[in-house]
PDB file of N, CA and C in Angstrom:
ATOM      1  N   MET A   1     -10.041  14.675   6.430  1.00  0.00           N
ATOM      2  CA  MET A   1      -9.197  14.260   5.376  1.00  0.00           C
ATOM      3  C   MET A   1     -10.123  14.724   3.910  1.00  0.00           C
ATOM      4  N   GLU A   2      -9.847  15.593   2.993  1.00  0.00           N
ATOM      5  CA  GLU A   2     -10.418  16.288   2.207  1.00  0.00           C
ATOM      6  C   GLU A   2      -9.892  15.161   0.551  1.00  0.00           C
ATOM      7  N   HIS A   3     -11.060  14.531  -0.154  1.00  0.00           N
ATOM      8  CA  HIS A   3     -10.857  13.806  -1.090  1.00  0.00           C
ATOM      9  C   HIS A   3     -11.045  14.657  -2.389  1.00  0.00           C
ATOM     10  N   THR A   4     -10.050  15.077  -3.187  1.00  0.00           N
ATOM     11  CA  THR A   4     -10.266  15.537  -4.819  1.00  0.00           C
ATOM     12  C   THR A   4      -9.572  14.316  -5.992  1.00  0.00           C
ATOM     13  N   ASN A   5     -10.464  13.991  -6.237  1.00  0.00           N
ATOM     14  CA  ASN A   5     -10.197  13.536  -7.325  1.00  0.00           C
ATOM     15  C   ASN A   5      -9.723  12.234  -6.866  1.00  0.00           C
ATOM     16  N   THR A   6      -8.230  12.034  -7.178  1.00  0.00           N
ATOM     17  CA  THR A   6      -7.540  10.555  -6.663  1.00  0.00           C
ATOM     18  C   THR A   6      -6.237  10.863  -5.763  1.00  0.00           C
ATOM     19  N   ILE A   7      -6.301  12.786  -5.284  1.00  0.00           N
ATOM     20  CA  ILE A   7      -5.452  12.789  -4.353  1.00  0.00           C
ATOM     21  C   ILE A   7      -6.346  13.584  -3.106  1.00  0.00           C
ATOM     22  N   LEU A   8      -5.921  12.617  -2.347  1.00  0.00           N
ATOM     23  CA  LEU A   8      -5.704  13.397  -0.588  1.00  0.00           C
ATOM     24  C   LEU A   8      -5.044  13.773  -0.246  1.00  0.00           C
ATOM     25  N   VAL A   9      -5.714  14.884   0.582  1.00  0.00           N
ATOM     26  CA  VAL A   9      -5.018  16.111   1.394  1.00  0.00           C
ATOM     27  C   VAL A   9      -4.929  15.642   3.005  1.00  0.00           C
ATOM     28  N   GLU A  10      -3.751  15.761   3.590  1.00  0.00           N
ATOM     29  CA  GLU A  10      -3.981  15.550   4.667  1.00  0.00           C
ATOM     30  C   GLU A  10      -3.268  16.673   5.785  1.00  0.00           C
ATOM     31  N   ARG A  11      -4.039  16.926   6.700  1.00  0.00           N
ATOM     32  CA  ARG A  11      -3.626  18.173   7.745  1.00  0.00           C
ATOM     33  C   ARG A  11      -1.874  18.319   7.707  1.00  0.00           C
ATOM     34  N   ARG A  12      -1.399  16.961   7.667  1.00  0.00           N
ATOM     35  CA  ARG A  12       0.479  17.272   7.859  1.00  0.00           C
ATOM     36  C   ARG A  12       0.768  17.755   6.362  1.00  0.00           C
ATOM     37  N   GLY A  13       0.208  17.773   5.262  1.00  0.00           N
ATOM     38  CA  GLY A  13       0.795  18.518   4.324  1.00  0.00           C
ATOM     39  C   GLY A  13       0.919  17.424   2.818  1.00  0.00           C
ATOM     40  N   ALA A  14       1.326  16.495   3.192  1.00  0.00           N
ATOM     41  CA  ALA A  14       1.770  15.287   2.230  1.00  0.00           C
ATOM     42  C   ALA A  14       0.434  15.016   1.428  1.00  0.00           C
ATOM     43  N   GLU A  15       0.426  14.889   0.131  1.00  0.00           N
ATOM     44  CA  GLU A  15      -0.551  14.443  -0.580  1.00  0.00           C
ATOM     45  C   GLU A  15      -0.478  13.245  -1.089  1.00  0.00           C
ATOM     46  N   ARG A  16      -1.609  12.426  -1.178  1.00  0.00           N
ATOM     47  CA  ARG A  16      -1.470  11.268  -1.274  1.00  0.00           C
ATOM     48  C   ARG A  16      -2.234  10.766  -1.960  1.00  0.00           C
ATOM     49  N   LEU A  17      -1.656  10.083  -2.953  1.00  0.00           N
ATOM     50  CA  LEU A  17      -2.688   9.617  -4.043  1.00  0.00           C
ATOM     51  C   LEU A  17      -3.396   8.063  -4.095  1.00  0.00           C
ATOM     52  N   ALA A  18      -4.663   8.243  -4.305  1.00  0.00           N
ATOM     53  CA  ALA A  18      -5.290   6.493  -3.993  1.00  0.00           C
ATOM     54  C   ALA A  18      -4.515   6.214  -5.439  1.00  0.00           C
ATOM     55  N   VAL A  19      -4.409   4.854  -4.962  1.00  0.00           N
ATOM     56  CA  VAL A  19      -3.451   3.906  -5.828  1.00  0.00           C
ATOM     57  C   VAL A  19      -4.840   2.342  -6.099  1.00  0.00           C
ATOM     58  N   ASN A  20      -5.013   1.620  -4.829  1.00  0.00           N
ATOM     59  CA  ASN A  20      -5.438   0.812  -5.050  1.00  0.00           C
ATOM     60  C   ASN A  20      -4.798  -0.399  -5.705  1.00  0.00           C
ATOM     61  N   LEU A  21      -3.231  -0.879  -5.403  1.00  0.00           N
ATOM     62  CA  LEU A  21      -2.316  -1.439  -6.112  1.00  0.00           C
ATOM     63  C   LEU A  21      -1.956  -2.687  -5.176  1.00  0.00           C
ATOM     64  N   ASP A  22      -2.077  -3.960  -5.741  1.00  0.00           N
ATOM     65  CA  ASP A  22      -1.490  -4.938  -4.665  1.00  0.00           C
ATOM     66  C   ASP A  22      -0.053  -5.198  -4.345  1.00  0.00           C
ATOM     67  N   VAL A  23       0.457  -5.422  -3.443  1.00  0.00           N
ATOM     68  CA  VAL A  23       1.409  -5.299  -3.312  1.00  0.00           C
ATOM     69  C   VAL A  23       2.294  -6.204  -2.340  1.00  0.00           C
ATOM     70  N   LEU A  24       3.110  -7.112  -2.182  1.00  0.00           N
ATOM     71  CA  LEU A  24       3.506  -7.921  -1.600  1.00  0.00           C
ATOM     72  C   LEU A  24       4.733  -7.030  -0.374  1.00  0.00           C
ATOM     73  N   VAL A  25       4.531  -7.579   0.727  1.00  0.00           N
ATOM     74  CA  VAL A  25       5.431  -6.680   1.963  1.00  0.00           C
ATOM     75  C   VAL A  25       5.996  -8.094   2.166  1.00  0.00           C
ATOM     76  N   HIS A  26       7.488  -7.850   2.560  1.00  0.00           N
ATOM     77  CA  HIS A  26       8.634  -8.762   2.727  1.00  0.00           C
ATOM     78  C   HIS A  26       8.802  -8.350   4.225  1.00  0.00           C
ATOM     79  N   PRO A  27       8.221  -9.289   5.415  1.00  0.00           N
ATOM     80  CA  PRO A  27       8.625  -9.055   6.571  1.00  0.00           C
ATOM     81  C   PRO A  27      10.356  -9.568   6.395  1.00  0.00           C
ATOM     82  N   TYR A  28      10.896  -9.445   7.654  1.00  0.00           N
ATOM     83  CA  TYR A  28      12.271  -9.955   7.829  1.00  0.00           C
ATOM     84  C   TYR A  28      12.403 -11.400   8.558  1.00  0.00           C
ATOM     85  N   ARG A  29      12.385 -11.912   7.518  1.00  0.00           N
ATOM     86  CA  ARG A  29      12.451 -13.688   7.824  1.00  0.00           C
ATOM     87  C   ARG A  29      11.239 -14.090   8.438  1.00  0.00           C
ATOM     88  N   ALA A  30      10.398 -13.578   7.476  1.00  0.00           N
ATOM     89  CA  ALA A  30       9.060 -14.284   7.351  1.00  0.00           C
ATOM     90  C   ALA A  30       8.473 -14.424   5.793  1.00  0.00           C
ATOM     91  N   THR A  31       7.449 -14.959   5.303  1.00  0.00           N
ATOM     92  CA  THR A  31       6.768 -15.130   4.727  1.00  0.00           C
ATOM     93  C   THR A  31       6.370 -14.072   4.022  1.00  0.00           C
ATOM     94  N   PRO A  32       6.227 -13.733   2.756  1.00  0.00           N
ATOM     95  CA  PRO A  32       5.625 -12.187   2.525  1.00  0.00           C
ATOM     96  C   PRO A  32       4.105 -12.474   2.628  1.00  0.00           C
ATOM     97  N   ILE A  33       3.506 -11.112   2.659  1.00  0.00           N
ATOM     98  CA  ILE A  33       2.322 -11.025   2.585  1.00  0.00           C
ATOM     99  C   ILE A  33       1.936 -10.265   1.549  1.00  0.00           C
ATOM    100  N   LEU A  34       0.391 -10.652   1.445  1.00  0.00           N
ATOM    101  CA  LEU A  34      -0.112 -10.068   0.037  1.00  0.00           C
ATOM    102  C   LEU A  34      -1.217  -8.553   0.712  1.00  0.00           C
ATOM    103  N   CYS A  35      -0.635  -7.682   0.122  1.00  0.00           N
ATOM    104  CA  CYS A  35      -1.150  -6.417   0.853  1.00  0.00           C
ATOM    105  C   CYS A  35      -2.212  -5.581  -0.208  1.00  0.00           C
ATOM    106  N   LEU A  36      -3.073  -4.624  -0.096  1.00  0.00           N
ATOM    107  CA  LEU A  36      -3.599  -3.866  -0.787  1.00  0.00           C
ATOM    108  C   LEU A  36      -2.555  -2.363  -0.562  1.00  0.00           C
ATOM    109  N   MET A  37      -2.326  -1.639  -1.419  1.00  0.00           N
ATOM    110  CA  MET A  37      -1.710  -0.158  -1.155  1.00  0.00           C
ATOM    111  C   MET A  37      -2.889   0.535  -1.431  1.00  0.00           C
ATOM    112  N   HIS A  38      -3.980   1.256  -0.443  1.00  0.00           N
ATOM    113  CA  HIS A  38      -4.833   2.237  -0.850  1.00  0.00           C
ATOM    114  C   HIS A  38      -4.088   3.470  -1.654  1.00  0.00           C
ATOM    115  N   ASP A  39      -3.497   4.062  -0.535  1.00  0.00           N
ATOM    116  CA  ASP A  39      -2.957   5.339  -1.057  1.00  0.00           C
ATOM    117  C   ASP A  39      -1.539   5.380  -0.752  1.00  0.00           C
ATOM    118  N   VAL A  40      -0.914   6.236  -1.387  1.00  0.00           N
ATOM    119  CA  VAL A  40       0.658   6.485  -1.209  1.00  0.00           C
ATOM    120  C   VAL A  40       1.309   8.289  -1.603  1.00  0.00           C
ATOM    121  N   SER A  41       2.170   8.341  -0.687  1.00  0.00           N
ATOM    122  CA  SER A  41       3.083   9.357  -0.891  1.00  0.00           C
ATOM    123  C   SER A  41       4.420   9.204  -0.764  1.00  0.00           C
ATOM    124  N   THR A  42       4.968  10.593  -0.927  1.00  0.00           N
ATOM    125  CA  THR A  42       6.588  10.321  -1.269  1.00  0.00           C
ATOM    126  C   THR A  42       6.933  10.243   0.411  1.00  0.00           C
ATOM    127  N   GLY A  43       6.273  10.275   1.549  1.00  0.00           N
ATOM    128  CA  GLY A  43       6.944   9.548   2.412  1.00  0.00           C
ATOM    129  C   GLY A  43       6.552   8.070   3.211  1.00  0.00           C
ATOM    130  N   GLY A  44       5.063   7.785   2.602  1.00  0.00           N
ATOM    131  CA  GLY A  44       4.590   6.285   3.302  1.00  0.00           C
ATOM    132  C   GLY A  44       3.392   6.079   2.586  1.00  0.00           C
ATOM    133  N   ALA A  45       2.766   5.020   2.821  1.00  0.00           N
ATOM    134  CA  ALA A  45       1.326   4.355   1.994  1.00  0.00           C
ATOM    135  C   ALA A  45       0.789   3.788   3.018  1.00  0.00           C
ATOM    136  N   LEU A  46      -0.542   3.903   3.223  1.00  0.00           N
ATOM    137  CA  LEU A  46      -1.485   2.403   3.988  1.00  0.00           C
ATOM    138  C   LEU A  46      -1.929   1.648   2.834  1.00  0.00           C
ATOM    139  N   LEU A  47      -1.674   0.839   3.885  1.00  0.00           N
ATOM    140  CA  LEU A  47      -2.179  -0.610   3.385  1.00  0.00           C
ATOM    141  C   LEU A  47      -3.453  -1.178   4.591  1.00  0.00           C
ATOM    142  N   THR A  48      -4.135  -2.230   3.873  1.00  0.00           N
ATOM    143  CA  THR A  48      -4.730  -3.119   4.151  1.00  0.00           C
ATOM    144  C   THR A  48      -4.265  -4.955   4.017  1.00  0.00           C
ATOM    145  N   THR A  49      -4.040  -5.480   4.653  1.00  0.00           N
ATOM    146  CA  THR A  49      -3.462  -6.932   4.790  1.00  0.00           C
ATOM    147  C   THR A  49      -5.345  -7.697   4.469  1.00  0.00           C
ATOM    148  N   TYR A  50      -5.182  -8.982   3.657  1.00  0.00           N
ATOM    149  CA  TYR A  50      -5.812  -9.776   3.382  1.00  0.00           C
ATOM    150  C   TYR A  50      -6.193 -10.784   4.153  1.00  0.00           C
ATOM    151  N   ALA A  51      -5.428 -10.901   5.068  1.00  0.00           N
ATOM    152  CA  ALA A  51      -5.574 -11.963   6.300  1.00  0.00           C
ATOM    153  C   ALA A  51      -4.752 -11.555   7.240  1.00  0.00           C
ATOM    154  N   PRO A  52      -4.594 -12.075   8.550  1.00  0.00           N
ATOM    155  CA  PRO A  52      -3.813 -11.709   9.453  1.00  0.00           C
ATOM    156  C   PRO A  52      -2.436 -11.857   9.054  1.00  0.00           C
ATOM    157  N   CYS A  53      -1.581 -10.817   9.640  1.00  0.00           N
ATOM    158  CA  CYS A  53       0.001 -11.357   9.251  1.00  0.00           C
ATOM    159  C   CYS A  53       0.777 -10.848  10.246  1.00  0.00           C
ATOM    160  N   GLY A  54       0.645 -10.352  11.601  1.00  0.00           N
ATOM    161  CA  GLY A  54       1.636 -10.567  12.611  1.00  0.00           C
ATOM    162  C   GLY A  54       2.489  -9.346  12.669  1.00  0.00           C
ATOM    163  N   LEU A  55       2.541  -8.491  11.730  1.00  0.00           N
ATOM    164  CA  LEU A  55       2.860  -7.307  11.764  1.00  0.00           C
ATOM    165  C   LEU A  55       2.879  -6.595  12.724  1.00  0.00           C
ATOM    166  N   ALA A  56       4.198  -5.634  13.105  1.00  0.00           N
ATOM    167  CA  ALA A  56       3.986  -4.753  14.274  1.00  0.00           C
ATOM    168  C   ALA A  56       4.441  -3.703  14.278  1.00  0.00           C
ATOM    169  N   PRO A  57       4.074  -2.363  15.045  1.00  0.00           N
ATOM    170  CA  PRO A  57       4.655  -0.711  14.950  1.00  0.00           C
ATOM    171  C   PRO A  57       5.970  -1.253  14.796  1.00  0.00           C
ATOM    172  N   GLY A  58       6.852  -0.901  14.025  1.00  0.00           N
ATOM    173  CA  GLY A  58       8.276  -0.803  14.075  1.00  0.00           C
ATOM    174  C   GLY A  58       9.095  -1.709  13.303  1.00  0.00           C
ATOM    175  N   ASP A  59       8.620  -3.017  12.984  1.00  0.00           N
ATOM    176  CA  ASP A  59       8.756  -3.707  12.195  1.00  0.00           C
ATOM    177  C   ASP A  59       9.632  -3.276  10.632  1.00  0.00           C
ATOM    178  N   GLU A  60      10.509  -3.158  10.065  1.00  0.00           N
ATOM    179  CA  GLU A  60      11.069  -3.241   9.220  1.00  0.00           C
ATOM    180  C   GLU A  60      10.763  -4.056   8.178  1.00  0.00           C
ATOM    181  N   VAL A  61      10.323  -3.524   6.582  1.00  0.00           N
ATOM    182  CA  VAL A  61       9.735  -4.219   5.919  1.00  0.00           C
ATOM    183  C   VAL A  61      10.049  -4.066   4.616  1.00  0.00           C
ATOM    184  N   LEU A  62       9.949  -4.968   3.101  1.00  0.00           N
ATOM    185  CA  LEU A  62      10.395  -4.300   1.768  1.00  0.00           C
ATOM    186  C   LEU A  62       9.143  -4.595   1.201  1.00  0.00           C
ATOM    187  N   VAL A  63       8.498  -3.699   0.450  1.00  0.00           N
ATOM    188  CA  VAL A  63       7.500  -3.411  -0.203  1.00  0.00           C
ATOM    189  C   VAL A  63       7.590  -3.593  -1.459  1.00  0.00           C
ATOM    190  N   GLU A  64       7.067  -4.607  -2.152  1.00  0.00           N
ATOM    191  CA  GLU A  64       7.804  -5.328  -3.614  1.00  0.00           C
ATOM    192  C   GLU A  64       5.840  -4.719  -4.743  1.00  0.00           C
ATOM    193  N   ALA A  65       6.097  -3.694  -5.644  1.00  0.00           N
ATOM    194  CA  ALA A  65       5.170  -3.629  -6.234  1.00  0.00           C
ATOM    195  C   ALA A  65       6.011  -3.774  -7.738  1.00  0.00           C
ATOM    196  N   ASP A  66       5.207  -5.051  -8.476  1.00  0.00           N
ATOM    197  CA  ASP A  66       5.731  -5.158  -9.793  1.00  0.00           C
ATOM    198  C   ASP A  66       7.634  -5.159  -9.724  1.00  0.00           C
ATOM    199  N   SER A  67       8.043  -4.072 -10.262  1.00  0.00           N
ATOM    200  CA  SER A  67       9.550  -3.969 -10.100  1.00  0.00           C
ATOM    201  C   SER A  67      10.084  -2.849  -9.301  1.00  0.00           C
ATOM    202  N   MET A  68       9.249  -2.720  -8.525  1.00  0.00           N
ATOM    203  CA  MET A  68       9.530  -1.564  -7.915  1.00  0.00           C
ATOM    204  C   MET A  68       9.725  -2.117  -6.229  1.00  0.00           C
ATOM    205  N   GLU A  69      10.599  -1.850  -5.457  1.00  0.00           N
ATOM    206  CA  GLU A  69      10.952  -1.994  -4.358  1.00  0.00           C
ATOM    207  C   GLU A  69      11.280  -0.868  -3.364  1.00  0.00           C
ATOM    208  N   MET A  70      10.754  -0.855  -2.060  1.00  0.00           N
ATOM    209  CA  MET A  70      10.965   0.345  -1.266  1.00  0.00           C
ATOM    210  C   MET A  70      10.921  -0.451   0.266  1.00  0.00           C
ATOM    211  N   VAL A  71      11.888  -0.052   0.889  1.00  0.00           N
ATOM    212  CA  VAL A  71      12.152  -0.066   2.357  1.00  0.00           C
ATOM    213  C   VAL A  71      11.138   1.054   3.225  1.00  0.00           C
ATOM    214  N   ALA A  72      10.655  -0.165   4.178  1.00  0.00           N
ATOM    215  CA  ALA A  72       9.888   0.902   5.196  1.00  0.00           C
ATOM    216  C   ALA A  72       9.906   0.458   6.103  1.00  0.00           C
ATOM    217  N   THR A  73       9.341   1.121   7.216  1.00  0.00           N
ATOM    218  CA  THR A  73       8.927   0.614   8.443  1.00  0.00           C
ATOM    219  C   THR A  73       7.159   0.764   9.206  1.00  0.00           C
ATOM    220  N   ILE A  74       6.871  -0.163   9.464  1.00  0.00           N
ATOM    221  CA  ILE A  74       5.483   0.043   9.708  1.00  0.00           C
ATOM    222  C   ILE A  74       5.044   1.053  10.902  1.00  0.00           C
ATOM    223  N   ALA A  75       4.259   1.972  10.843  1.00  0.00           N
ATOM    224  CA  ALA A  75       4.082   2.951  11.536  1.00  0.00           C
ATOM    225  C   ALA A  75       3.198   2.986  12.955  1.00  0.00           C
ATOM    226  N   TRP A  76       1.920   2.364  12.323  1.00  0.00           N
ATOM    227  CA  TRP A  76       0.827   1.942  13.068  1.00  0.00           C
ATOM    228  C   TRP A  76       0.280   0.580  12.876  1.00  0.00           C
ATOM    229  N   ILE A  77      -0.784   0.006  13.275  1.00  0.00           N
ATOM    230  CA  ILE A  77      -1.166  -0.783  12.534  1.00  0.00           C
ATOM    231  C   ILE A  77      -3.146  -0.954  13.357  1.00  0.00           C
ATOM    232  N   THR A  78      -4.193  -1.039  12.767  1.00  0.00           N
ATOM    233  CA  THR A  78      -5.154  -1.063  13.532  1.00  0.00           C
ATOM    234  C   THR A  78      -6.084  -1.746  12.675  1.00  0.00           C
ATOM    235  N   ASP A  79      -7.085  -2.769  13.129  1.00  0.00           N
ATOM    236  CA  ASP A  79      -7.999  -3.438  12.585  1.00  0.00           C
ATOM    237  C   ASP A  79      -7.292  -4.096  10.752  1.00  0.00           C
ATOM    238  N   GLY A  80      -6.548  -4.843  10.769  1.00  0.00           N
ATOM    239  CA  GLY A  80      -6.135  -5.321   9.639  1.00  0.00           C
ATOM    240  C   GLY A  80      -5.325  -4.029   8.416  1.00  0.00           C
ATOM    241  N   SER A  81      -5.477  -3.023   8.691  1.00  0.00           N
ATOM    242  CA  SER A  81      -5.198  -1.645   8.438  1.00  0.00           C
ATOM    243  C   SER A  81      -3.208  -1.398   8.786  1.00  0.00           C
ATOM    244  N   CYS A  82      -2.735  -1.085   8.306  1.00  0.00           N
ATOM    245  CA  CYS A  82      -1.329  -0.353   8.696  1.00  0.00           C
ATOM    246  C   CYS A  82      -1.081   1.133   7.809  1.00  0.00           C
ATOM    247  N   GLY A  83       0.087   2.004   8.484  1.00  0.00           N
ATOM    248  CA  GLY A  83       0.465   2.800   7.596  1.00  0.00           C
ATOM    249  C   GLY A  83       2.108   2.688   7.801  1.00  0.00           C
ATOM    250  N   ILE A  84       2.910   2.830   6.594  1.00  0.00           N
ATOM    251  CA  ILE A  84       4.029   2.253   6.223  1.00  0.00           C
ATOM    252  C   ILE A  84       5.094   3.976   6.186  1.00  0.00           C
ATOM    253  N   ARG A  85       6.181   3.970   6.869  1.00  0.00           N
ATOM    254  CA  ARG A  85       7.009   5.161   6.313  1.00  0.00           C
ATOM    255  C   ARG A  85       7.605   4.605   5.765  1.00  0.00           C
ATOM    256  N   PHE A  86       8.437   5.093   4.427  1.00  0.00           N
ATOM    257  CA  PHE A  86       9.417   4.853   3.585  1.00  0.00           C
ATOM    258  C   PHE A  86      11.007   5.611   4.323  1.00  0.00           C
ATOM    259  N   HIS A  87      11.979   4.449   4.040  1.00  0.00           N
ATOM    260  CA  HIS A  87      13.096   4.996   4.690  1.00  0.00           C
ATOM    261  C   HIS A  87      13.724   5.911   3.872  1.00  0.00           C
ATOM    262  N   ARG A  88      13.263   6.153   2.585  1.00  0.00           N
ATOM    263  CA  ARG A  88      14.157   7.019   1.445  1.00  0.00           C
ATOM    264  C   ARG A  88      12.258   7.744   1.197  1.00  0.00           C
ATOM    265  N   ARG A  89      12.475   8.858   0.967  1.00  0.00           N
ATOM    266  CA  ARG A  89      11.244   9.487   0.383  1.00  0.00           C
ATOM    267  C   ARG A  89      11.245   9.126  -1.348  1.00  0.00           C
ATOM    268  N   LEU A  90      10.053   8.988  -1.625  1.00  0.00           N
ATOM    269  CA  LEU A  90       9.849   8.664  -2.856  1.00  0.00           C
ATOM    270  C   LEU A  90       9.903   9.930  -3.879  1.00  0.00           C
ATOM    271  N   TYR A  91      10.440   9.642  -5.406  1.00  0.00           N
ATOM    272  CA  TYR A  91      10.537  10.540  -5.957  1.00  0.00           C
ATOM    273  C   TYR A  91       9.197  10.970  -6.317  1.00  0.00           C
ATOM    274  N   PRO A  92       8.886  12.085  -6.436  1.00  0.00           N
ATOM    275  CA  PRO A  92       7.274  11.994  -7.465  1.00  0.00           C
ATOM    276  C   PRO A  92       6.840  11.066  -8.902  1.00  0.00           C
ATOM    277  N   SER A  93       8.403  10.900  -9.531  1.00  0.00           N
ATOM    278  CA  SER A  93       8.415  10.176 -10.887  1.00  0.00           C
ATOM    279  C   SER A  93       7.845   8.441  -9.896  1.00  0.00           C
ATOM    280  N   GLU A  94       8.355   8.050  -8.892  1.00  0.00           N
ATOM    281  CA  GLU A  94       7.900   6.786  -8.661  1.00  0.00           C
ATOM    282  C   GLU A  94       6.696   6.906  -7.857  1.00  0.00           C
ATOM    283  N   VAL A  95       6.286   7.691  -7.562  1.00  0.00           N
ATOM    284  CA  VAL A  95       5.143   7.897  -6.803  1.00  0.00           C
ATOM    285  C   VAL A  95       3.787   7.642  -8.310  1.00  0.00           C
ATOM    286  N   ASP A  96       4.269   8.511  -9.502  1.00  0.00           N
ATOM    287  CA  ASP A  96       3.615   8.218 -10.422  1.00  0.00           C
ATOM    288  C   ASP A  96       3.610   6.902 -11.329  1.00  0.00           C
ATOM    289  N   ALA A  97       4.854   6.145 -10.931  1.00  0.00           N
ATOM    290  CA  ALA A  97       5.286   5.163 -11.420  1.00  0.00           C
ATOM    291  C   ALA A  97       4.123   3.966 -10.719  1.00  0.00           C
ATOM    292  N   LEU A  98       3.968   4.206  -9.275  1.00  0.00           N
ATOM    293  CA  LEU A  98       3.157   3.309  -8.811  1.00  0.00           C
ATOM    294  C   LEU A  98       1.461   3.578  -9.283  1.00  0.00           C
ATOM    295  N   ARG A  99       1.433   4.384  -9.377  1.00  0.00           N
ATOM    296  CA  ARG A  99      -0.145   5.021 -10.025  1.00  0.00           C
ATOM    297  C   ARG A  99      -0.175   3.913 -11.485  1.00  0.00           C
ATOM    298  N   SER A 100       0.825   4.290 -12.347  1.00  0.00           N
ATOM    299  CA  SER A 100       0.629   3.497 -13.358  1.00  0.00           C
ATOM    300  C   SER A 100       0.684   1.713 -13.500  1.00  0.00           C
ATOM    301  N   ILE A 101       1.480   1.382 -12.259  1.00  0.00           N
ATOM    302  CA  ILE A 101       1.353  -0.011 -11.957  1.00  0.00           C
ATOM    303  C   ILE A 101      -0.341  -0.587 -11.856  1.00  0.00           C
ATOM    304  N   ALA A 102      -0.858   0.124 -10.973  1.00  0.00           N
ATOM    305  CA  ALA A 102      -2.465   0.250 -10.288  1.00  0.00           C
ATOM    306  C   ALA A 102      -3.490   0.191 -11.497  1.00  0.00           C
ATOM    307  N   GLU A 103      -2.625   1.301 -12.523  1.00  0.00           N
ATOM    308  CA  GLU A 103      -3.850   1.344 -13.759  1.00  0.00           C
ATOM    309  C   GLU A 103      -3.492   0.412 -14.705  1.00  0.00           C
ATOM    310  N   ASP A 104      -2.455  -0.372 -14.379  1.00  0.00           N
ATOM    311  CA  ASP A 104      -2.287  -2.096 -15.285  1.00  0.00           C
ATOM    312  C   ASP A 104      -2.986  -2.793 -14.777  1.00  0.00           C
ATOM    313  N   GLN A 105      -2.813  -2.517 -13.197  1.00  0.00           N
ATOM    314  CA  GLN A 105      -3.529  -4.193 -12.522  1.00  0.00           C
ATOM    315  C   GLN A 105      -5.245  -3.951 -11.962  1.00  0.00           C
ATOM    316  N   ALA A 106      -5.625  -3.083 -12.655  1.00  0.00           N
ATOM    317  CA  ALA A 106      -7.102  -2.482 -12.219  1.00  0.00           C
ATOM    318  C   ALA A 106      -7.858  -3.776 -13.456  1.00  0.00           C
ATOM    319  N   PRO A 107      -7.590  -3.742 -14.707  1.00  0.00           N
ATOM    320  CA  PRO A 107      -8.418  -4.649 -15.370  1.00  0.00           C
ATOM    321  C   PRO A 107      -8.330  -6.104 -14.282  1.00  0.00           C
ATOM    322  N   PHE A 108      -7.377  -6.672 -14.090  1.00  0.00           N
ATOM    323  CA  PHE A 108      -7.231  -8.042 -13.532  1.00  0.00           C
ATOM    324  C   PHE A 108      -8.132  -7.727 -11.946  1.00  0.00           C
ATOM    325  N   MET A 109      -8.323  -6.579 -11.608  1.00  0.00           N
ATOM    326  CA  MET A 109      -9.031  -7.174 -10.327  1.00  0.00           C
ATOM    327  C   MET A 109     -10.452  -6.867 -10.699  1.00  0.00           C
ATOM    328  N   ALA A 110     -10.749  -6.051 -11.695  1.00  0.00           N
ATOM    329  CA  ALA A 110     -12.143  -6.503 -12.386  1.00  0.00           C
ATOM    330  C   ALA A 110     -13.109  -7.551 -12.459  1.00  0.00           C
ATOM    331  N   ALA A 111     -11.977  -8.505 -12.899  1.00  0.00           N
ATOM    332  CA  ALA A 111     -12.521  -9.533 -13.366  1.00  0.00           C
ATOM    333  C   ALA A 111     -12.583 -10.607 -12.138  1.00  0.00           C
ATOM    334  N   ILE A 112     -12.538 -10.116 -11.085  1.00  0.00           N
ATOM    335  CA  ILE A 112     -12.590 -11.040  -9.646  1.00  0.00           C
ATOM    336  C   ILE A 112     -14.339 -11.023  -9.359  1.00  0.00           C
ATOM    337  N   PRO A 113     -14.602 -11.873  -9.352  1.00  0.00           N
ATOM    338  CA  PRO A 113     -16.109 -11.184  -8.827  1.00  0.00           C
ATOM    339  C   PRO A 113     -16.015 -10.902  -7.465  1.00  0.00           C
ATOM    340  N   GLN A 114     -17.122  -9.959  -7.094  1.00  0.00           N
ATOM    341  CA  GLN A 114     -17.083  -9.088  -6.189  1.00  0.00           C
ATOM    342  C   GLN A 114     -17.349  -9.783  -4.640  1.00  0.00           C
ATOM    343  N   GLY A 115     -18.356 -11.280  -4.617  1.00  0.00           N
ATOM    344  CA  GLY A 115     -18.174 -11.834  -3.405  1.00  0.00           C
ATOM    345  C   GLY A 115     -16.504 -12.410  -3.346  1.00  0.00           C
ATOM    346  N   VAL A 116     -16.032 -12.987  -4.127  1.00  0.00           N
ATOM    347  CA  VAL A 116     -14.622 -13.444  -4.279  1.00  0.00           C
ATOM    348  C   VAL A 116     -13.848 -12.626  -3.668  1.00  0.00           C
ATOM    349  N   ALA A 117     -14.050 -11.106  -4.292  1.00  0.00           N
ATOM    350  CA  ALA A 117     -12.803 -10.073  -3.349  1.00  0.00           C
ATOM    351  C   ALA A 117     -12.971  -9.930  -1.723  1.00  0.00           C
ATOM    352  N   GLN A 118     -14.731  -9.919  -1.727  1.00  0.00           N
ATOM    353  CA  GLN A 118     -14.574  -9.431  -0.515  1.00  0.00           C
ATOM    354  C   GLN A 118     -14.444 -10.728   0.476  1.00  0.00           C
ATOM    355  N   MET A 119     -14.450 -11.920   0.110  1.00  0.00           N
ATOM    356  CA  MET A 119     -13.867 -12.874   1.111  1.00  0.00           C
ATOM    357  C   MET A 119     -12.649 -13.244   1.189  1.00  0.00           C
ATOM    358  N   ALA A 120     -11.689 -12.351   0.252  1.00  0.00           N
ATOM    359  CA  ALA A 120     -10.235 -12.459   0.387  1.00  0.00           C
ATOM    360  C   ALA A 120     -10.508 -11.398   1.631  1.00  0.00           C
ATOM    361  N   MET A 121     -11.108 -10.302   1.562  1.00  0.00           N
ATOM    362  CA  MET A 121     -10.561  -9.235   2.613  1.00  0.00           C
ATOM    363  C   MET A 121     -10.815  -9.816   4.364  1.00  0.00           C
ATOM    364  N   HIS A 122     -11.572 -10.606   4.352  1.00  0.00           N
ATOM    365  CA  HIS A 122     -12.148 -11.156   5.824  1.00  0.00           C
ATOM    366  C   HIS A 122     -11.259 -12.232   6.012  1.00  0.00           C
TER     367      HIS A 122
END
């Protein structure tokens, strides 16, 4: 994978935009899970869970970021990270909106002491 500023280019050709955005993942008939969306493309995203979550490949979820909602399927899970595939490809404007939400969230995340943020990840 090649990193160019905030855009990651993958072998499959989809551009992934680094966002580092807190999102709520709503599994079917289960408690919502707070996750960190590391990057996003029109087809999917990479998430990290802050705690064990019980998600499995094939699970359908609703991903909520601010006022945006995206329906997705868990594609894979490894060591607290998971890839999701959106049921409907996002428009480029929607990907840009996620970047804007992440930029608005950044000042709040910067205010969290580093040790506290690391404890939340484990």
